[in-house]
C-alpha atoms as a PDB file:
ATOM      1  CA  MET A   1     100.904 109.849 153.243  1.00  0.00           C
ATOM      2  CA  GLU A   2     102.043 108.567 149.852  1.00  0.00           C
ATOM      3  CA  THR A   3     105.817 108.363 149.442  1.00  0.00           C
ATOM      4  CA  LEU A   4     107.226 110.205 146.411  1.00  0.00           C
ATOM      5  CA  LEU A   5     110.664 109.457 145.040  1.00  0.00           C
ATOM      6  CA  ASP A   6     112.870 112.467 144.346  1.00  0.00           C
ATOM      7  CA  LEU A   7     114.171 112.544 140.768  1.00  0.00           C
ATOM      8  CA  ASP A   8     117.325 114.319 141.939  1.00  0.00           C
ATOM      9  CA  LEU A   9     118.045 111.409 144.283  1.00  0.00           C
ATOM     10  CA  LEU A  10     117.366 108.952 141.481  1.00  0.00           C
ATOM     11  CA  LYS A  11     119.731 110.796 139.155  1.00  0.00           C
ATOM     12  CA  THR A  12     122.516 110.524 141.728  1.00  0.00           C
ATOM     13  CA  PHE A  13     121.635 106.871 142.381  1.00  0.00           C
ATOM     14  CA  VAL A  14     121.977 106.069 138.662  1.00  0.00           C
ATOM     15  CA  ALA A  15     125.368 107.799 138.622  1.00  0.00           C
ATOM     16  CA  VAL A  16     126.517 105.715 141.608  1.00  0.00           C
ATOM     17  CA  ALA A  17     125.218 102.506 140.007  1.00  0.00           C
ATOM     18  CA  GLU A  18     126.905 103.242 136.670  1.00  0.00           C
ATOM     19  CA  THR A  19     130.291 104.286 138.106  1.00  0.00           C
ATOM     20  CA  GLY A  20     130.385 101.855 141.051  1.00  0.00           C
ATOM     21  CA  GLU A  21     132.042 104.510 143.226  1.00  0.00           C
ATOM     22  CA  ILE A  22     130.730 107.348 145.346  1.00  0.00           C
ATOM     23  CA  LYS A  23     133.721 109.527 144.425  1.00  0.00           C
ATOM     24  CA  LEU A  24     133.257 109.085 140.663  1.00  0.00           C
ATOM     25  CA  ALA A  25     129.510 109.565 140.941  1.00  0.00           C
ATOM     26  CA  ALA A  26     130.096 112.792 142.874  1.00  0.00           C
ATOM     27  CA  LYS A  27     132.140 114.188 139.991  1.00  0.00           C
ATOM     28  CA  LYS A  28     129.450 113.148 137.522  1.00  0.00           C
ATOM     29  CA  VAL A  29     126.642 114.980 139.375  1.00  0.00           C
ATOM     30  CA  TYR A  30     128.834 117.907 140.518  1.00  0.00           C
ATOM     31  CA  ARG A  31     128.469 117.229 144.241  1.00  0.00           C
ATOM     32  CA  SER A  32     130.824 116.348 147.074  1.00  0.00           C
ATOM     33  CA  SER A  33     131.286 112.710 148.063  1.00  0.00           C
ATOM     34  CA  GLY A  34     129.697 113.485 151.419  1.00  0.00           C
ATOM     35  CA  ALA A  35     126.633 114.988 149.730  1.00  0.00           C
ATOM     36  CA  VAL A  36     126.249 111.914 147.509  1.00  0.00           C
ATOM     37  CA  SER A  37     126.483 109.596 150.526  1.00  0.00           C
ATOM     38  CA  MET A  38     123.788 111.617 152.286  1.00  0.00           C
ATOM     39  CA  GLN A  39     121.576 111.433 149.185  1.00  0.00           C
ATOM     40  CA  MET A  40     121.939 107.657 149.017  1.00  0.00           C
ATOM     41  CA  LYS A  41     121.088 107.357 152.714  1.00  0.00           C
ATOM     42  CA  ARG A  42     117.974 109.464 152.167  1.00  0.00           C
ATOM     43  CA  LEU A  43     116.948 107.408 149.115  1.00  0.00           C
ATOM     44  CA  GLN A  44     117.277 104.150 151.053  1.00  0.00           C
ATOM     45  CA  GLU A  45     115.095 105.633 153.799  1.00  0.00           C
ATOM     46  CA  LEU A  46     112.427 106.532 151.237  1.00  0.00           C
ATOM     47  CA  ALA A  47     112.653 103.118 149.567  1.00  0.00           C
ATOM     48  CA  GLY A  48     112.509 101.317 152.891  1.00  0.00           C
ATOM     49  CA  CYS A  49     115.230  98.839 151.947  1.00  0.00           C
ATOM     50  CA  GLU A  50     118.947  98.554 151.312  1.00  0.00           C
ATOM     51  CA  LEU A  51     119.916  99.528 147.773  1.00  0.00           C
ATOM     52  CA  LEU A  52     123.724  99.593 147.895  1.00  0.00           C
ATOM     53  CA  VAL A  53     126.409  97.545 149.610  1.00  0.00           C
ATOM     54  CA  ARG A  54     130.047  98.455 149.994  1.00  0.00           C
ATOM     55  CA  THR A  55     132.650  96.129 148.456  1.00  0.00           C
ATOM     56  CA  HIS A  56     136.421  96.224 148.217  1.00  0.00           C
ATOM     57  CA  ARG A  57     135.957  97.728 144.740  1.00  0.00           C
ATOM     58  CA  GLY A  58     133.455 100.414 145.728  1.00  0.00           C
ATOM     59  CA  VAL A  59     129.695  99.911 145.886  1.00  0.00           C
ATOM     60  CA  ALA A  60     127.406  97.302 144.351  1.00  0.00           C
ATOM     61  CA  LEU A  61     123.652  97.040 143.903  1.00  0.00           C
ATOM     62  CA  THR A  62     121.469  94.789 145.988  1.00  0.00           C
ATOM     63  CA  ASP A  63     118.594  92.956 144.288  1.00  0.00           C
ATOM     64  CA  ALA A  64     116.317  95.838 145.287  1.00  0.00           C
ATOM     65  CA  GLY A  65     118.892  98.276 143.911  1.00  0.00           C
ATOM     66  CA  LYS A  66     118.875  96.509 140.554  1.00  0.00           C
ATOM     67  CA  VAL A  67     115.094  96.865 140.401  1.00  0.00           C
ATOM     68  CA  LEU A  68     115.307 100.548 141.299  1.00  0.00           C
ATOM     69  CA  LEU A  69     118.056 101.196 138.733  1.00  0.00           C
ATOM     70  CA  SER A  70     115.882 100.012 135.856  1.00  0.00           C
ATOM     71  CA  ARG A  71     112.881 102.014 137.094  1.00  0.00           C
ATOM     72  CA  SER A  72     115.025 105.082 137.773  1.00  0.00           C
ATOM     73  CA  GLN A  73     116.379 105.106 134.223  1.00  0.00           C
ATOM     74  CA  GLN A  74     112.829 104.882 132.878  1.00  0.00           C
ATOM     75  CA  MET A  75     111.567 107.705 135.115  1.00  0.00           C
ATOM     76  CA  LEU A  76     114.472 109.982 134.245  1.00  0.00           C
ATOM     77  CA  ALA A  77     113.983 109.280 130.524  1.00  0.00           C
ATOM     78  CA  LEU A  78     110.266 110.043 130.843  1.00  0.00           C
ATOM     79  CA  ASN A  79     111.070 113.258 132.699  1.00  0.00           C
ATOM     80  CA  ASN A  80     113.428 114.379 129.930  1.00  0.00           C
ATOM     81  CA  SER A  81     110.991 113.379 127.200  1.00  0.00           C
ATOM     82  CA  THR A  82     108.167 115.272 128.903  1.00  0.00           C
ATOM     83  CA  LEU A  83     110.215 118.437 129.278  1.00  0.00           C
ATOM     84  CA  ALA A  84     111.309 118.217 125.640  1.00  0.00           C
ATOM     85  CA  ALA A  85     107.713 117.741 124.511  1.00  0.00           C
ATOM     86  CA  LEU A  86     106.677 120.870 126.403  1.00  0.00           C
ATOM     87  CA  SER A  87     109.432 122.950 124.832  1.00  0.00           C
ATOM     88  CA  GLU A  88     109.977 121.366 121.424  1.00  0.00           C
ATOM     89  CA  LYS A  89     110.226 124.806 119.793  1.00  0.00           C
ATOM     90  CA  ASP A  90     113.384 125.367 121.830  1.00  0.00           C
ATOM     91  CA  ILE A  91     115.229 122.271 120.625  1.00  0.00           C
ATOM     92  CA  SER A  92     118.499 123.662 119.336  1.00  0.00           C
ATOM     93  CA  GLY A  93     121.982 122.649 118.306  1.00  0.00           C
ATOM     94  CA  GLN A  94     123.269 121.064 115.129  1.00  0.00           C
ATOM     95  CA  LEU A  95     122.311 117.762 113.513  1.00  0.00           C
ATOM     96  CA  THR A  96     123.641 116.228 110.325  1.00  0.00           C
ATOM     97  CA  PHE A  97     121.047 114.311 108.324  1.00  0.00           C
ATOM     98  CA  GLY A  98     121.857 111.642 105.782  1.00  0.00           C
ATOM     99  CA  ILE A  99     119.452 111.230 102.855  1.00  0.00           C
ATOM    100  CA  PRO A 100     119.797 108.669 100.047  1.00  0.00           C
ATOM    101  CA  THR A 101     120.914 110.382  96.869  1.00  0.00           C
ATOM    102  CA  ASP A 102     117.814 109.352  94.926  1.00  0.00           C
ATOM    103  CA  TYR A 103     115.497 111.013  97.463  1.00  0.00           C
ATOM    104  CA  ALA A 104     117.583 114.138  98.029  1.00  0.00           C
ATOM    105  CA  ALA A 105     115.793 116.627  95.767  1.00  0.00           C
ATOM    106  CA  ASP A 106     112.303 115.668  96.913  1.00  0.00           C
ATOM    107  CA  PHE A 107     113.115 115.524 100.600  1.00  0.00           C
ATOM    108  CA  THR A 108     114.941 118.841 100.699  1.00  0.00           C
ATOM    109  CA  ARG A 109     111.799 120.273  99.108  1.00  0.00           C
ATOM    110  CA  TYR A 110     109.319 118.652 101.507  1.00  0.00           C
ATOM    111  CA  PHE A 111     111.253 117.545 104.607  1.00  0.00           C
ATOM    112  CA  MET A 112     113.237 120.671 105.390  1.00  0.00           C
ATOM    113  CA  PRO A 113     110.229 123.059 105.659  1.00  0.00           C
ATOM    114  CA  LEU A 114     108.527 120.595 108.032  1.00  0.00           C
ATOM    115  CA  LEU A 115     111.656 120.250 110.157  1.00  0.00           C
ATOM    116  CA  GLN A 116     112.221 124.009 110.297  1.00  0.00           C
ATOM    117  CA  ALA A 117     108.623 124.522 111.433  1.00  0.00           C
ATOM    118  CA  LYS A 118     108.998 121.951 114.217  1.00  0.00           C
ATOM    119  CA  MET A 119     112.556 122.891 115.235  1.00  0.00           C
ATOM    120  CA  PRO A 120     113.218 126.480 114.181  1.00  0.00           C
ATOM    121  CA  ASN A 121     116.328 126.741 116.381  1.00  0.00           C
ATOM    122  CA  LEU A 122     117.976 123.617 115.002  1.00  0.00           C
ATOM    123  CA  ALA A 123     120.965 123.997 112.676  1.00  0.00           C
ATOM    124  CA  ALA A 124     120.518 121.173 110.162  1.00  0.00           C
ATOM    125  CA  LYS A 125     123.079 119.887 107.674  1.00  0.00           C
ATOM    126  CA  ILE A 126     122.246 117.464 104.857  1.00  0.00           C
ATOM    127  CA  VAL A 127     124.580 114.771 103.497  1.00  0.00           C
ATOM    128  CA  CYS A 128     123.466 112.901 100.359  1.00  0.00           C
ATOM    129  CA  ASP A 129     124.924 109.483  99.669  1.00  0.00           C
ATOM    130  CA  ARG A 130     124.100 105.818  99.034  1.00  0.00           C
ATOM    131  CA  SER A 131     122.414 104.019 101.928  1.00  0.00           C
ATOM    132  CA  ARG A 132     125.394 101.737 102.543  1.00  0.00           C
ATOM    133  CA  HIS A 133     127.717 104.726 102.695  1.00  0.00           C
ATOM    134  CA  LEU A 134     125.357 106.545 105.070  1.00  0.00           C
ATOM    135  CA  ARG A 135     125.476 103.567 107.434  1.00  0.00           C
ATOM    136  CA  LYS A 136     129.271 103.820 107.516  1.00  0.00           C
ATOM    137  CA  LYS A 137     129.090 107.579 108.094  1.00  0.00           C
ATOM    138  CA  ARG A 138     126.662 107.036 110.964  1.00  0.00           C
ATOM    139  CA  GLN A 139     129.063 104.534 112.498  1.00  0.00           C
ATOM    140  CA  ALA A 140     131.953 106.970 112.003  1.00  0.00           C
ATOM    141  CA  GLY A 141     129.967 109.741 113.698  1.00  0.00           C
ATOM    142  CA  THR A 142     129.858 112.102 110.712  1.00  0.00           C
ATOM    143  CA  VAL A 143     126.077 111.678 110.324  1.00  0.00           C
ATOM    144  CA  ASP A 144     123.637 111.880 113.258  1.00  0.00           C
ATOM    145  CA  ILE A 145     120.379 110.699 111.669  1.00  0.00           C
ATOM    146  CA  ALA A 146     119.837 109.064 108.283  1.00  0.00           C
ATOM    147  CA  ILE A 147     117.328 107.327 106.052  1.00  0.00           C
ATOM    148  CA  VAL A 148     118.688 104.058 104.684  1.00  0.00           C
ATOM    149  CA  SER A 149     117.359 101.173 102.627  1.00  0.00           C
ATOM    150  CA  GLY A 150     116.714  98.021 104.618  1.00  0.00           C
ATOM    151  CA  GLU A 151     119.148  95.199 103.897  1.00  0.00           C
ATOM    152  CA  PRO A 152     118.585  91.453 104.353  1.00  0.00           C
ATOM    153  CA  GLY A 153     120.209  90.334 107.586  1.00  0.00           C
ATOM    154  CA  ILE A 154     120.653  93.881 108.927  1.00  0.00           C
ATOM    155  CA  LYS A 155     118.272  94.945 111.671  1.00  0.00           C
ATOM    156  CA  ASP A 156     118.801  98.588 112.456  1.00  0.00           C
ATOM    157  CA  GLY A 157     116.783 101.699 112.954  1.00  0.00           C
ATOM    158  CA  MET A 158     113.111 102.536 112.878  1.00  0.00           C
ATOM    159  CA  PRO A 159     110.833 101.520 109.965  1.00  0.00           C
ATOM    160  CA  LEU A 160     109.456 104.530 108.093  1.00  0.00           C
ATOM    161  CA  TRP A 161     107.758 103.241 104.926  1.00  0.00           C
ATOM    162  CA  ASN A 162     108.244 100.818 102.063  1.00  0.00           C
ATOM    163  CA  GLU A 163     107.631 100.755  98.331  1.00  0.00           C
ATOM    164  CA  SER A 164     107.656  98.117  95.635  1.00  0.00           C
ATOM    165  CA  ILE A 165     110.618  97.460  93.336  1.00  0.00           C
ATOM    166  CA  ASN A 166     109.713  96.522  89.769  1.00  0.00           C
ATOM    167  CA  TRP A 167     111.400  95.637  86.501  1.00  0.00           C
ATOM    168  CA  VAL A 168     110.040  98.308  84.194  1.00  0.00           C
ATOM    169  CA  LYS A 169     110.152  99.332  80.546  1.00  0.00           C
ATOM    170  CA  SER A 170     108.718 101.969  78.285  1.00  0.00           C
ATOM    171  CA  PRO A 171     105.615 100.949  76.266  1.00  0.00           C
ATOM    172  CA  THR A 172     107.605 102.047  73.205  1.00  0.00           C
ATOM    173  CA  LEU A 173     110.353  99.472  73.800  1.00  0.00           C
ATOM    174  CA  ALA A 174     109.599  96.239  71.947  1.00  0.00           C
ATOM    175  CA  LEU A 175     111.379  93.010  72.893  1.00  0.00           C
ATOM    176  CA  TYR A 176     111.687  90.048  70.527  1.00  0.00           C
ATOM    177  CA  PRO A 177     112.508  86.356  71.023  1.00  0.00           C
ATOM    178  CA  GLY A 178     116.229  85.729  70.765  1.00  0.00           C
ATOM    179  CA  GLN A 179     117.074  89.413  71.167  1.00  0.00           C
ATOM    180  CA  ALA A 180     119.519  90.419  73.888  1.00  0.00           C
ATOM    181  CA  VAL A 181     117.469  92.422  76.410  1.00  0.00           C
ATOM    182  CA  PRO A 182     118.929  95.931  76.792  1.00  0.00           C
ATOM    183  CA  ILE A 183     119.546  96.667  80.480  1.00  0.00           C
ATOM    184  CA  ALA A 184     120.133  99.942  82.333  1.00  0.00           C
ATOM    185  CA  LEU A 185     122.090  99.236  85.524  1.00  0.00           C
ATOM    186  CA  PHE A 186     123.034 101.330  88.521  1.00  0.00           C
ATOM    187  CA  ASP A 187     126.799 101.827  88.739  1.00  0.00           C
ATOM    188  CA  GLY A 188     127.681 101.657  92.423  1.00  0.00           C
ATOM    189  CA  ASP A 189     127.248  99.860  95.740  1.00  0.00           C
ATOM    190  CA  CYS A 190     123.473  99.520  96.050  1.00  0.00           C
ATOM    191  CA  LEU A 191     120.847  96.980  97.092  1.00  0.00           C
ATOM    192  CA  ILE A 192     118.863  97.522  93.883  1.00  0.00           C
ATOM    193  CA  ARG A 193     121.954  96.814  91.759  1.00  0.00           C
ATOM    194  CA  ASP A 194     122.505  93.590  93.732  1.00  0.00           C
ATOM    195  CA  LEU A 195     118.899  92.481  93.142  1.00  0.00           C
ATOM    196  CA  ALA A 196     119.101  93.350  89.444  1.00  0.00           C
ATOM    197  CA  LEU A 197     122.312  91.400  88.919  1.00  0.00           C
ATOM    198  CA  ALA A 198     120.963  88.408  90.866  1.00  0.00           C
ATOM    199  CA  THR A 199     117.907  88.300  88.604  1.00  0.00           C
ATOM    200  CA  LEU A 200     119.973  88.608  85.455  1.00  0.00           C
ATOM    201  CA  GLU A 201     122.499  85.978  86.530  1.00  0.00           C
ATOM    202  CA  ASN A 202     119.714  83.515  87.324  1.00  0.00           C
ATOM    203  CA  ALA A 203     117.823  84.196  84.082  1.00  0.00           C
ATOM    204  CA  ASP A 204     118.221  81.944  81.072  1.00  0.00           C
ATOM    205  CA  ILE A 205     118.124  84.866  78.642  1.00  0.00           C
ATOM    206  CA  ARG A 206     120.601  86.984  76.764  1.00  0.00           C
ATOM    207  CA  TYR A 207     121.017  90.507  78.032  1.00  0.00           C
ATOM    208  CA  ASP A 208     123.239  93.452  77.235  1.00  0.00           C
ATOM    209  CA  ILE A 209     124.032  96.265  79.691  1.00  0.00           C
ATOM    210  CA  VAL A 210     123.636  99.326  77.479  1.00  0.00           C
ATOM    211  CA  PHE A 211     123.428 102.094  80.069  1.00  0.00           C
ATOM    212  CA  THR A 212     125.015 102.650  83.491  1.00  0.00           C
ATOM    213  CA  SER A 213     124.952 105.577  85.900  1.00  0.00           C
ATOM    214  CA  PRO A 214     125.642 106.265  89.591  1.00  0.00           C
ATOM    215  CA  VAL A 215     122.331 108.178  89.729  1.00  0.00           C
ATOM    216  CA  LEU A 216     119.031 106.271  89.652  1.00  0.00           C
ATOM    217  CA  ASP A 217     117.250 109.257  88.096  1.00  0.00           C
ATOM    218  CA  ASN A 218     119.476 108.837  85.050  1.00  0.00           C
ATOM    219  CA  ILE A 219     118.600 105.132  84.911  1.00  0.00           C
ATOM    220  CA  ALA A 220     114.923 106.078  85.041  1.00  0.00           C
ATOM    221  CA  GLU A 221     115.351 108.539  82.166  1.00  0.00           C
ATOM    222  CA  ALA A 222     116.967 105.830  80.038  1.00  0.00           C
ATOM    223  CA  VAL A 223     113.961 103.607  80.707  1.00  0.00           C
ATOM    224  CA  TYR A 224     111.456 106.407  80.049  1.00  0.00           C
ATOM    225  CA  ASN A 225     113.105 107.078  76.696  1.00  0.00           C
ATOM    226  CA  GLY A 226     112.821 103.447  75.624  1.00  0.00           C
ATOM    227  CA  LEU A 227     116.563 102.712  75.704  1.00  0.00           C
ATOM    228  CA  ALA A 228     116.514  99.863  78.188  1.00  0.00           C
ATOM    229  CA  VAL A 229     114.800  97.768  80.848  1.00  0.00           C
ATOM    230  CA  SER A 230     115.720  98.323  84.498  1.00  0.00           C
ATOM    231  CA  LEU A 231     114.854  97.565  88.106  1.00  0.00           C
ATOM    232  CA  LEU A 232     113.453 100.689  89.811  1.00  0.00           C
ATOM    233  CA  PRO A 233     111.564 101.665  92.978  1.00  0.00           C
ATOM    234  CA  GLU A 234     107.991 102.761  92.357  1.00  0.00           C
ATOM    235  CA  SER A 235     108.753 106.335  93.457  1.00  0.00           C
ATOM    236  CA  LEU A 236     110.727 106.801  90.221  1.00  0.00           C
ATOM    237  CA  SER A 237     107.781 105.815  88.030  1.00  0.00           C
ATOM    238  CA  LYS A 238     106.126 108.393  85.810  1.00  0.00           C
ATOM    239  CA  SER A 239     102.535 108.130  84.711  1.00  0.00           C
ATOM    240  CA  GLY A 240     102.178 106.582  81.251  1.00  0.00           C
ATOM    241  CA  GLN A 241     105.914 106.585  80.557  1.00  0.00           C
ATOM    242  CA  ILE A 242     106.892 103.224  82.032  1.00  0.00           C
ATOM    243  CA  GLN A 243     105.145 100.044  83.086  1.00  0.00           C
ATOM    244  CA  PRO A 244     106.014  96.827  84.911  1.00  0.00           C
ATOM    245  CA  PHE A 245     106.229  93.761  82.691  1.00  0.00           C
ATOM    246  CA  LEU A 246     102.719  92.607  81.814  1.00  0.00           C
ATOM    247  CA  PRO A 247     101.629  88.922  81.870  1.00  0.00           C
ATOM    248  CA  SER A 248     101.378  88.847  78.073  1.00  0.00           C
ATOM    249  CA  GLU A 249     104.889  90.198  77.498  1.00  0.00           C
ATOM    250  CA  LEU A 250     108.058  88.356  76.631  1.00  0.00           C
ATOM    251  CA  HIS A 251     110.197  87.515  79.684  1.00  0.00           C
ATOM    252  CA  HIS A 252     107.338  88.404  82.063  1.00  0.00           C
ATOM    253  CA  ASP A 253     108.058  85.438  84.338  1.00  0.00           C
ATOM    254  CA  ILE A 254     111.745  86.306  84.548  1.00  0.00           C
ATOM    255  CA  PHE A 255     111.226  89.999  85.257  1.00  0.00           C
ATOM    256  CA  THR A 256     108.405  89.636  87.799  1.00  0.00           C
ATOM    257  CA  LEU A 257     109.894  90.539  91.171  1.00  0.00           C
ATOM    258  CA  ASN A 258     107.993  90.288  94.450  1.00  0.00           C
ATOM    259  CA  GLU A 259     110.248  92.603  96.453  1.00  0.00           C
ATOM    260  CA  ARG A 260     109.721  95.741  98.497  1.00  0.00           C
ATOM    261  CA  LEU A 261     112.230  98.405  99.423  1.00  0.00           C
ATOM    262  CA  ASN A 262     112.081  99.214 103.149  1.00  0.00           C
ATOM    263  CA  LEU A 263     113.234 102.650 104.274  1.00  0.00           C
ATOM    264  CA  ASN A 264     114.472 102.889 107.853  1.00  0.00           C
ATOM    265  CA  LEU A 265     115.622 105.671 110.142  1.00  0.00           C
ATOM    266  CA  ILE A 266     118.987 105.112 111.836  1.00  0.00           C
ATOM    267  CA  TYR A 267     120.513 107.452 114.394  1.00  0.00           C
ATOM    268  CA  ALA A 268     123.467 107.873 116.711  1.00  0.00           C
ATOM    269  CA  GLN A 269     123.282 106.718 120.295  1.00  0.00           C
ATOM    270  CA  GLY A 270     122.447 109.541 122.657  1.00  0.00           C
ATOM    271  CA  GLN A 271     119.962 111.261 120.362  1.00  0.00           C
ATOM    272  CA  HIS A 272     117.009 112.435 122.400  1.00  0.00           C
ATOM    273  CA  GLU A 273     113.939 110.237 122.017  1.00  0.00           C
ATOM    274  CA  HIS A 274     111.667 113.219 121.417  1.00  0.00           C
ATOM    275  CA  THR A 275     113.986 114.558 118.719  1.00  0.00           C
ATOM    276  CA  ILE A 276     113.835 111.209 116.925  1.00  0.00           C
ATOM    277  CA  GLU A 277     110.034 111.206 117.189  1.00  0.00           C
ATOM    278  CA  ILE A 278     109.823 114.659 115.576  1.00  0.00           C
ATOM    279  CA  VAL A 279     112.344 113.859 112.839  1.00  0.00           C
ATOM    280  CA  SER A 280     110.703 110.543 111.932  1.00  0.00           C
ATOM    281  CA  ALA A 281     107.271 112.207 111.833  1.00  0.00           C
ATOM    282  CA  CYS A 282     108.665 114.893 109.490  1.00  0.00           C
ATOM    283  CA  PHE A 283     110.214 112.284 107.174  1.00  0.00           C
ATOM    284  CA  ILE A 284     106.956 110.302 107.036  1.00  0.00           C
ATOM    285  CA  GLN A 285     104.892 113.428 106.402  1.00  0.00           C
ATOM    286  CA  ALA A 286     107.303 114.528 103.670  1.00  0.00           C
ATOM    287  CA  HIS A 287     106.964 111.107 102.032  1.00  0.00           C
ATOM    288  CA  GLN A 288     103.165 111.354 102.205  1.00  0.00           C
ATOM    289  CA  GLN A 289     103.232 114.808 100.630  1.00  0.00           C
ATOM    290  CA  LEU A 290     105.480 113.518  97.868  1.00  0.00           C
ATOM    291  CA  GLN A 291     103.184 110.560  97.227  1.00  0.00           C
ATOM    292  CA  ALA A 292     100.150 112.849  97.081  1.00  0.00           C
ATOM    293  CA  LYS A 293     101.813 115.059  94.442  1.00  0.00           C
ATOM    294  CA  SER A 294     103.173 112.198  92.328  1.00  0.00           C
ATOM    295  CA  PRO A 295     100.982 110.896  89.482  1.00  0.00           C
ATOM    296  CA  ASN A 296     100.080 107.213  89.662  1.00  0.00           C
ATOM    297  CA  PRO A 297     101.948 105.125  87.105  1.00  0.00           C
END
């Protein structure tokens, strides 16, 4: 007859392995120390080998115990994920989502209905801020899940999508040799501002910052109205109103940027895997809906 491992025994075994003491593990699984010892004896009988050894500090894992610990954690995680998948409509509680300021209006319009359909019992809160600030809020525990812009040298979260970043101008804005190029610049701690300033500082041209704002939508409006040139993500482009620098235009070589903005999902430790799967799918679907409704530039 095929031997089947009992998940309840594995849960207690993981508690013993993590605490290193029968007494502490007993408190963690709400059992008596005697009951935990009996469970470990039963598990070793099922496994057919010694899993734990007593030491002067408590208990330690044998080599076989170390193998079982890794497998036990995987099986328990799969069990929880499976149960969550079967009852995703019942996922409840409160989560605080962080959304970059420049995506806030669109994602409250598209993301929230998708999330409410998938998790009707979830109490969701939205915090809008710059990506770098959202990272700090995630670390401080005031945000549970957030979309952030990828940063060079920072590897965190789950990739969601990416979009190009371009130096853009209105077709009505004419630039002339020797003229200081009018620039619209984001006023705040932002990756796009850093890229814009790096380009300008490395360029052998005259430029004049004529417009600043802490909101990228305002920067985009200044560009649309022919007031200035700026570095913007493609999602802020409007059909016919702006264009990347063309090969025939003045300063084309300087303002050609081969960069993409990566959007990642970061989340607090302890978030359920199935919850993250649902949330990330909702964010991606919301982005796809937004792209489908946006006119091509």
